[in-house]
């Protein structure tokens, strides 16, 4: 069970890192100095349009890969013969 939670946590960390690398997430930090007290706040924004655009690109690439695989196998990927 511990291994499952570790794998899920590692997957989430990977997705977050990929999201920052791809520009899906942005962090903005604001600092104010009022009455000798420094106040900081952070804002996380998610670019849903960028995520959707990248999702469409991935779908196209997977479709192209599938088409190339069908061409290489002579379109026999869905056929199973019984002996």
N, C-alpha and C. Protein backbone atom coordinates (compact mmCIF):
# COMPACT_ATOMS: atom_id res chain seq x y z
N UNK A 1 0.83 -1.19 0.00
CA UNK A 1 0.00 0.00 0.00
C UNK A 1 0.87 1.26 0.00
N UNK A 2 1.98 1.18 0.75
CA UNK A 2 2.90 2.30 0.81
C UNK A 2 3.50 2.57 -0.57
N UNK A 3 3.78 1.52 -1.30
CA UNK A 3 4.34 1.65 -2.63
C UNK A 3 3.35 2.30 -3.59
N UNK A 4 2.07 1.96 -3.46
CA UNK A 4 1.04 2.56 -4.30
C UNK A 4 0.95 4.06 -4.07
N UNK A 5 0.93 4.48 -2.81
CA UNK A 5 0.87 5.91 -2.51
C UNK A 5 2.13 6.63 -2.99
N UNK A 6 3.26 5.97 -2.87
CA UNK A 6 4.51 6.55 -3.37
C UNK A 6 4.48 6.73 -4.87
N UNK A 7 3.95 5.74 -5.58
CA UNK A 7 3.86 5.83 -7.04
C UNK A 7 2.90 6.93 -7.46
N UNK A 8 1.77 7.04 -6.79
CA UNK A 8 0.79 8.09 -7.10
C UNK A 8 1.40 9.47 -6.82
N UNK A 9 2.10 9.60 -5.70
CA UNK A 9 2.75 10.87 -5.37
C UNK A 9 3.80 11.24 -6.40
N UNK A 10 4.59 10.27 -6.83
CA UNK A 10 5.61 10.52 -7.84
C UNK A 10 4.98 10.91 -9.17
N UNK A 11 3.86 10.30 -9.52
CA UNK A 11 3.14 10.64 -10.74
C UNK A 11 2.62 12.09 -10.68
N UNK A 12 2.07 12.47 -9.53
CA UNK A 12 1.57 13.84 -9.37
C UNK A 12 2.69 14.87 -9.46
N UNK A 13 3.81 14.58 -8.84
CA UNK A 13 4.96 15.48 -8.90
C UNK A 13 5.43 15.61 -10.35
N UNK A 14 5.44 14.50 -11.07
CA UNK A 14 5.84 14.52 -12.48
C UNK A 14 4.91 15.37 -13.32
N UNK A 15 3.60 15.26 -13.07
CA UNK A 15 2.62 16.05 -13.82
C UNK A 15 2.79 17.53 -13.53
N UNK A 16 3.00 17.88 -12.26
CA UNK A 16 3.19 19.28 -11.89
C UNK A 16 4.46 19.83 -12.54
N UNK A 17 5.54 19.07 -12.51
CA UNK A 17 6.79 19.52 -13.14
C UNK A 17 6.60 19.70 -14.65
N UNK A 18 5.94 18.76 -15.29
CA UNK A 18 5.66 18.86 -16.71
C UNK A 18 4.80 20.09 -17.00
N UNK A 19 3.82 20.34 -16.14
CA UNK A 19 2.94 21.50 -16.31
C UNK A 19 3.69 22.81 -16.25
N UNK A 20 4.62 22.94 -15.31
CA UNK A 20 5.41 24.16 -15.23
C UNK A 20 6.33 24.28 -16.44
N UNK A 21 6.91 23.18 -16.86
CA UNK A 21 7.81 23.18 -18.03
C UNK A 21 7.05 23.58 -19.29
N UNK A 22 5.83 23.08 -19.46
CA UNK A 22 5.02 23.36 -20.65
C UNK A 22 4.32 24.72 -20.58
N UNK A 23 4.33 25.35 -19.43
CA UNK A 23 3.70 26.66 -19.29
C UNK A 23 2.22 26.57 -18.94
N UNK A 24 1.78 25.44 -18.41
CA UNK A 24 0.38 25.27 -18.03
C UNK A 24 0.07 25.99 -16.72
N UNK A 25 1.06 26.09 -15.84
CA UNK A 25 0.89 26.71 -14.53
C UNK A 25 1.88 27.86 -14.39
N UNK A 26 1.45 28.90 -13.67
CA UNK A 26 2.32 30.04 -13.38
C UNK A 26 2.12 30.43 -11.92
N UNK A 27 3.21 30.80 -11.28
CA UNK A 27 3.14 31.29 -9.90
C UNK A 27 3.56 32.75 -9.90
N UNK A 28 2.76 33.58 -9.28
CA UNK A 28 3.06 35.00 -9.12
C UNK A 28 3.13 35.30 -7.63
N UNK A 29 4.22 35.92 -7.20
CA UNK A 29 4.40 36.24 -5.79
C UNK A 29 4.35 37.76 -5.62
N UNK A 30 3.52 38.20 -4.69
CA UNK A 30 3.35 39.63 -4.40
C UNK A 30 3.85 39.88 -2.97
N UNK A 31 4.65 40.93 -2.83
CA UNK A 31 5.13 41.33 -1.50
C UNK A 31 4.78 42.79 -1.28
N UNK A 32 4.30 43.09 -0.08
CA UNK A 32 4.01 44.48 0.30
C UNK A 32 4.67 44.77 1.63
N UNK A 33 5.10 46.00 1.79
CA UNK A 33 5.73 46.43 3.04
C UNK A 33 4.84 47.51 3.65
N UNK A 34 4.04 47.11 4.62
CA UNK A 34 3.13 48.05 5.28
C UNK A 34 3.46 48.10 6.76
N UNK A 35 3.70 49.26 7.26
CA UNK A 35 3.96 49.47 8.69
C UNK A 35 5.06 48.55 9.21
N UNK A 36 6.13 48.45 8.46
CA UNK A 36 7.28 47.63 8.84
C UNK A 36 6.94 46.14 8.94
N UNK A 37 5.89 45.73 8.30
CA UNK A 37 5.54 44.31 8.23
C UNK A 37 5.52 43.92 6.76
N UNK A 38 6.24 42.91 6.46
CA UNK A 38 6.27 42.43 5.08
C UNK A 38 5.22 41.34 4.93
N UNK A 39 4.32 41.56 4.00
CA UNK A 39 3.28 40.58 3.73
C UNK A 39 3.50 40.03 2.32
N UNK A 40 3.45 38.73 2.20
CA UNK A 40 3.63 38.08 0.91
C UNK A 40 2.43 37.21 0.59
N UNK A 41 2.12 37.15 -0.68
CA UNK A 41 1.06 36.25 -1.12
C UNK A 41 1.48 35.66 -2.46
N UNK A 42 1.01 34.46 -2.73
CA UNK A 42 1.33 33.79 -3.97
C UNK A 42 0.03 33.41 -4.68
N UNK A 43 0.05 33.54 -5.99
CA UNK A 43 -1.10 33.20 -6.81
C UNK A 43 -0.67 32.17 -7.84
N UNK A 44 -1.42 31.10 -7.95
CA UNK A 44 -1.16 30.08 -8.96
C UNK A 44 -2.26 30.20 -10.01
N UNK A 45 -1.84 30.34 -11.28
CA UNK A 45 -2.81 30.41 -12.37
C UNK A 45 -2.62 29.21 -13.29
N UNK A 46 -3.73 28.73 -13.82
CA UNK A 46 -3.72 27.59 -14.72
C UNK A 46 -4.19 28.07 -16.09
N UNK A 47 -3.39 27.81 -17.11
CA UNK A 47 -3.72 28.21 -18.48
C UNK A 47 -4.44 27.04 -19.16
N UNK A 48 -5.77 27.02 -19.02
CA UNK A 48 -6.58 25.91 -19.55
C UNK A 48 -6.52 25.85 -21.08
N UNK A 49 -6.43 27.01 -21.73
CA UNK A 49 -6.35 27.01 -23.19
C UNK A 49 -5.07 26.34 -23.68
N UNK A 50 -3.96 26.60 -22.99
CA UNK A 50 -2.68 25.98 -23.35
C UNK A 50 -2.75 24.46 -23.13
N UNK A 51 -3.38 24.03 -22.06
CA UNK A 51 -3.52 22.60 -21.78
C UNK A 51 -4.33 21.95 -22.89
N UNK A 52 -5.45 22.56 -23.28
CA UNK A 52 -6.29 21.99 -24.34
C UNK A 52 -5.57 21.95 -25.68
N UNK A 53 -4.81 22.99 -25.99
CA UNK A 53 -4.05 23.01 -27.24
C UNK A 53 -3.01 21.90 -27.26
N UNK A 54 -2.31 21.71 -26.14
CA UNK A 54 -1.31 20.65 -26.06
C UNK A 54 -1.97 19.27 -26.12
N UNK A 55 -3.16 19.16 -25.53
CA UNK A 55 -3.90 17.90 -25.58
C UNK A 55 -4.24 17.53 -27.04
N UNK A 56 -4.67 18.51 -27.81
CA UNK A 56 -4.99 18.27 -29.21
C UNK A 56 -3.75 17.87 -30.01
N UNK A 57 -2.61 18.50 -29.71
CA UNK A 57 -1.36 18.14 -30.38
C UNK A 57 -1.00 16.69 -30.10
N UNK A 58 -1.17 16.27 -28.84
CA UNK A 58 -0.84 14.89 -28.47
C UNK A 58 -1.77 13.92 -29.20
N UNK A 59 -3.07 14.25 -29.28
CA UNK A 59 -4.01 13.39 -29.98
C UNK A 59 -3.63 13.23 -31.45
N UNK A 60 -3.22 14.33 -32.08
CA UNK A 60 -2.79 14.26 -33.47
C UNK A 60 -1.56 13.38 -33.64
N UNK A 61 -0.58 13.55 -32.74
CA UNK A 61 0.66 12.76 -32.82
C UNK A 61 0.37 11.27 -32.62
N UNK A 62 -0.51 10.95 -31.67
CA UNK A 62 -0.86 9.55 -31.42
C UNK A 62 -1.57 8.96 -32.64
N UNK A 63 -2.45 9.76 -33.25
CA UNK A 63 -3.14 9.31 -34.46
C UNK A 63 -2.17 9.05 -35.60
N UNK A 64 -1.20 9.94 -35.77
CA UNK A 64 -0.17 9.75 -36.80
C UNK A 64 0.64 8.51 -36.52
N UNK A 65 1.00 8.29 -35.27
CA UNK A 65 1.78 7.11 -34.89
C UNK A 65 0.99 5.84 -35.18
N UNK A 66 -0.31 5.86 -34.85
CA UNK A 66 -1.16 4.70 -35.12
C UNK A 66 -1.29 4.42 -36.61
N UNK A 67 -1.39 5.48 -37.39
CA UNK A 67 -1.49 5.32 -38.85
C UNK A 67 -0.21 4.72 -39.41
N UNK A 68 0.94 5.21 -38.93
CA UNK A 68 2.22 4.66 -39.39
C UNK A 68 2.36 3.20 -39.01
N UNK A 69 1.89 2.84 -37.82
CA UNK A 69 1.96 1.45 -37.37
C UNK A 69 1.10 0.56 -38.26
N UNK A 70 -0.08 1.05 -38.64
CA UNK A 70 -0.95 0.27 -39.53
C UNK A 70 -0.30 0.08 -40.90
N UNK A 71 0.34 1.13 -41.38
CA UNK A 71 1.00 1.04 -42.68
C UNK A 71 2.15 0.04 -42.65
N UNK A 72 2.92 0.03 -41.57
CA UNK A 72 4.05 -0.89 -41.46
C UNK A 72 3.60 -2.34 -41.34
N UNK A 73 2.48 -2.57 -40.69
CA UNK A 73 2.01 -3.95 -40.49
C UNK A 73 1.09 -4.40 -41.63
N UNK A 74 0.87 -3.56 -42.60
CA UNK A 74 0.02 -3.93 -43.71
C UNK A 74 -1.44 -3.96 -43.34
N UNK A 75 -1.85 -3.15 -42.38
CA UNK A 75 -3.24 -3.03 -41.94
C UNK A 75 -3.75 -4.33 -41.32
N UNK A 76 -2.90 -5.12 -40.70
CA UNK A 76 -3.29 -6.38 -40.10
C UNK A 76 -3.40 -6.29 -38.58
N UNK A 77 -3.43 -5.10 -38.04
CA UNK A 77 -3.42 -4.95 -36.58
C UNK A 77 -4.69 -5.44 -35.92
N UNK A 78 -5.83 -5.41 -36.59
CA UNK A 78 -7.09 -5.81 -35.96
C UNK A 78 -7.49 -7.25 -36.26
N UNK A 79 -6.68 -7.97 -37.01
CA UNK A 79 -7.06 -9.31 -37.43
C UNK A 79 -6.35 -10.37 -36.58
N UNK A 80 -7.13 -11.31 -36.06
CA UNK A 80 -6.58 -12.44 -35.30
C UNK A 80 -7.05 -13.70 -35.98
N UNK A 81 -6.13 -14.60 -36.23
CA UNK A 81 -6.51 -15.86 -36.87
C UNK A 81 -6.47 -16.98 -35.86
N UNK A 82 -7.43 -17.87 -35.96
CA UNK A 82 -7.47 -19.04 -35.09
C UNK A 82 -6.99 -20.24 -35.87
N UNK A 83 -6.28 -21.11 -35.21
CA UNK A 83 -5.78 -22.31 -35.87
C UNK A 83 -6.43 -23.55 -35.33
